[in-house]
Amino acid sequence: MAQEDLTKISTVELEKKAKMMKLAIITISVSMIIMTISGIILSIKKGFSAMTITAIAFFPLVIIFSSQLKKINEELKSRVS
């Protein structure tokens, strides 16, 4: 996936991207928490299953989206200065 040059994107578009990234991070994080809780409950009741480790698979997405959000916020701050 090619990286976009944030300096060429308008401030309004950057604000929209930041808002969308923040929403995506929150949604994935909440989903991971729910999957972790349900995985623990399933492990207690029925033993180990794939559901137990499913939440771990989504953790890299949170890291990637967080780093992209940080870059967008840095660009927005540099434009304000």
C-alpha atoms as a PDB file:
ATOM      1  CA  MET A   1       0.000   0.000   0.000  1.00  0.00           C
ATOM      2  CA  ALA A   2       1.524   3.296  -1.089  1.00  0.00           C
ATOM      3  CA  GLN A   3       1.943   6.048   1.478  1.00  0.00           C
ATOM      4  CA  GLU A   4       0.136   9.286   0.733  1.00  0.00           C
ATOM      5  CA  ASP A   5       2.054  12.529   0.965  1.00  0.00           C
ATOM      6  CA  LEU A   6       0.218  14.286   3.783  1.00  0.00           C
ATOM      7  CA  THR A   7       1.532  17.689   2.744  1.00  0.00           C
ATOM      8  CA  LYS A   8      -0.486  17.505  -0.485  1.00  0.00           C
ATOM      9  CA  ILE A   9      -3.800  16.805   1.261  1.00  0.00           C
ATOM     10  CA  SER A  10      -6.040  19.671   2.356  1.00  0.00           C
ATOM     11  CA  THR A  11      -6.553  20.403   6.031  1.00  0.00           C
ATOM     12  CA  VAL A  12     -10.242  19.497   5.847  1.00  0.00           C
ATOM     13  CA  GLU A  13      -9.430  16.106   4.331  1.00  0.00           C
ATOM     14  CA  LEU A  14      -6.771  15.492   6.971  1.00  0.00           C
ATOM     15  CA  GLU A  15      -9.270  16.267   9.724  1.00  0.00           C
ATOM     16  CA  LYS A  16     -11.728  13.800   8.160  1.00  0.00           C
ATOM     17  CA  LYS A  17      -9.000  11.138   7.940  1.00  0.00           C
ATOM     18  CA  ALA A  18      -8.023  11.738  11.568  1.00  0.00           C
ATOM     19  CA  LYS A  19     -11.628  11.401  12.683  1.00  0.00           C
ATOM     20  CA  MET A  20     -12.076   8.190  10.678  1.00  0.00           C
ATOM     21  CA  MET A  21      -8.819   6.705  12.008  1.00  0.00           C
ATOM     22  CA  LYS A  22      -9.809   7.511  15.578  1.00  0.00           C
ATOM     23  CA  LEU A  23     -13.190   5.849  15.056  1.00  0.00           C
ATOM     24  CA  ALA A  24     -11.524   2.783  13.500  1.00  0.00           C
ATOM     25  CA  ILE A  25      -9.074   2.470  16.399  1.00  0.00           C
ATOM     26  CA  ILE A  26     -11.860   2.712  18.966  1.00  0.00           C
ATOM     27  CA  THR A  27     -14.043   0.207  17.108  1.00  0.00           C
ATOM     28  CA  ILE A  28     -11.266  -2.346  16.682  1.00  0.00           C
ATOM     29  CA  SER A  29     -10.171  -1.921  20.296  1.00  0.00           C
ATOM     30  CA  VAL A  30     -13.685  -2.486  21.615  1.00  0.00           C
ATOM     31  CA  SER A  31     -14.030  -5.516  19.349  1.00  0.00           C
ATOM     32  CA  MET A  32     -10.730  -6.889  20.653  1.00  0.00           C
ATOM     33  CA  ILE A  33     -11.911  -6.497  24.242  1.00  0.00           C
ATOM     34  CA  ILE A  34     -15.175  -8.282  23.481  1.00  0.00           C
ATOM     35  CA  MET A  35     -13.322 -11.071  21.640  1.00  0.00           C
ATOM     36  CA  THR A  36     -10.872 -11.462  24.530  1.00  0.00           C
ATOM     37  CA  ILE A  37     -13.660 -11.736  27.091  1.00  0.00           C
ATOM     38  CA  SER A  38     -15.623 -14.205  24.995  1.00  0.00           C
ATOM     39  CA  GLY A  39     -12.443 -16.190  24.282  1.00  0.00           C
ATOM     40  CA  ILE A  40     -11.718 -16.484  27.984  1.00  0.00           C
ATOM     41  CA  ILE A  41     -15.277 -17.573  28.722  1.00  0.00           C
ATOM     42  CA  LEU A  42     -15.171 -20.149  25.914  1.00  0.00           C
ATOM     43  CA  SER A  43     -11.820 -21.448  27.130  1.00  0.00           C
ATOM     44  CA  ILE A  44     -13.179 -21.918  30.628  1.00  0.00           C
ATOM     45  CA  LYS A  45     -16.333 -23.687  29.429  1.00  0.00           C
ATOM     46  CA  LYS A  46     -15.129 -25.732  26.452  1.00  0.00           C
ATOM     47  CA  GLY A  47     -11.348 -25.608  26.497  1.00  0.00           C
ATOM     48  CA  PHE A  48      -8.920 -23.921  24.132  1.00  0.00           C
ATOM     49  CA  SER A  49     -10.247 -22.791  20.749  1.00  0.00           C
ATOM     50  CA  ALA A  50      -9.290 -20.449  17.927  1.00  0.00           C
ATOM     51  CA  MET A  51     -11.583 -17.825  19.440  1.00  0.00           C
ATOM     52  CA  THR A  52      -9.161 -17.544  22.334  1.00  0.00           C
ATOM     53  CA  ILE A  53      -6.407 -16.014  20.186  1.00  0.00           C
ATOM     54  CA  THR A  54      -8.514 -14.172  17.613  1.00  0.00           C
ATOM     55  CA  ALA A  55      -8.174 -10.828  19.394  1.00  0.00           C
ATOM     56  CA  ILE A  56      -4.384 -10.993  19.086  1.00  0.00           C
ATOM     57  CA  ALA A  57      -4.701 -11.054  15.291  1.00  0.00           C
ATOM     58  CA  PHE A  58      -6.256  -7.579  15.289  1.00  0.00           C
ATOM     59  CA  PHE A  59      -3.578  -5.959  17.446  1.00  0.00           C
ATOM     60  CA  PRO A  60      -1.293  -5.077  14.489  1.00  0.00           C
ATOM     61  CA  LEU A  61      -4.165  -3.104  12.929  1.00  0.00           C
ATOM     62  CA  VAL A  62      -4.425  -0.977  16.053  1.00  0.00           C
ATOM     63  CA  ILE A  63      -0.682  -0.308  15.958  1.00  0.00           C
ATOM     64  CA  ILE A  64      -0.721   0.624  12.248  1.00  0.00           C
ATOM     65  CA  PHE A  65      -3.774   2.864  12.542  1.00  0.00           C
ATOM     66  CA  SER A  66      -2.347   4.546  15.649  1.00  0.00           C
ATOM     67  CA  SER A  67       0.910   5.373  13.876  1.00  0.00           C
ATOM     68  CA  GLN A  68      -0.986   6.755  10.878  1.00  0.00           C
ATOM     69  CA  LEU A  69      -3.175   8.847  13.184  1.00  0.00           C
ATOM     70  CA  LYS A  70      -0.066  10.189  14.908  1.00  0.00           C
ATOM     71  CA  LYS A  71       1.417  11.257  11.546  1.00  0.00           C
ATOM     72  CA  ILE A  72      -1.841  12.949  10.523  1.00  0.00           C
ATOM     73  CA  ASN A  73      -2.058  14.813  13.843  1.00  0.00           C
ATOM     74  CA  GLU A  74       1.577  15.943  13.504  1.00  0.00           C
ATOM     75  CA  GLU A  75       0.845  17.299  10.028  1.00  0.00           C
ATOM     76  CA  LEU A  76      -2.250  19.111  11.301  1.00  0.00           C
ATOM     77  CA  LYS A  77      -0.231  20.650  14.155  1.00  0.00           C
ATOM     78  CA  SER A  78       2.480  21.795  11.740  1.00  0.00           C
ATOM     79  CA  ARG A  79      -0.129  23.576   9.638  1.00  0.00           C
ATOM     80  CA  VAL A  80      -1.525  25.464  12.607  1.00  0.00           C
ATOM     81  CA  SER A  81       1.895  26.788  13.665  1.00  0.00           C
END
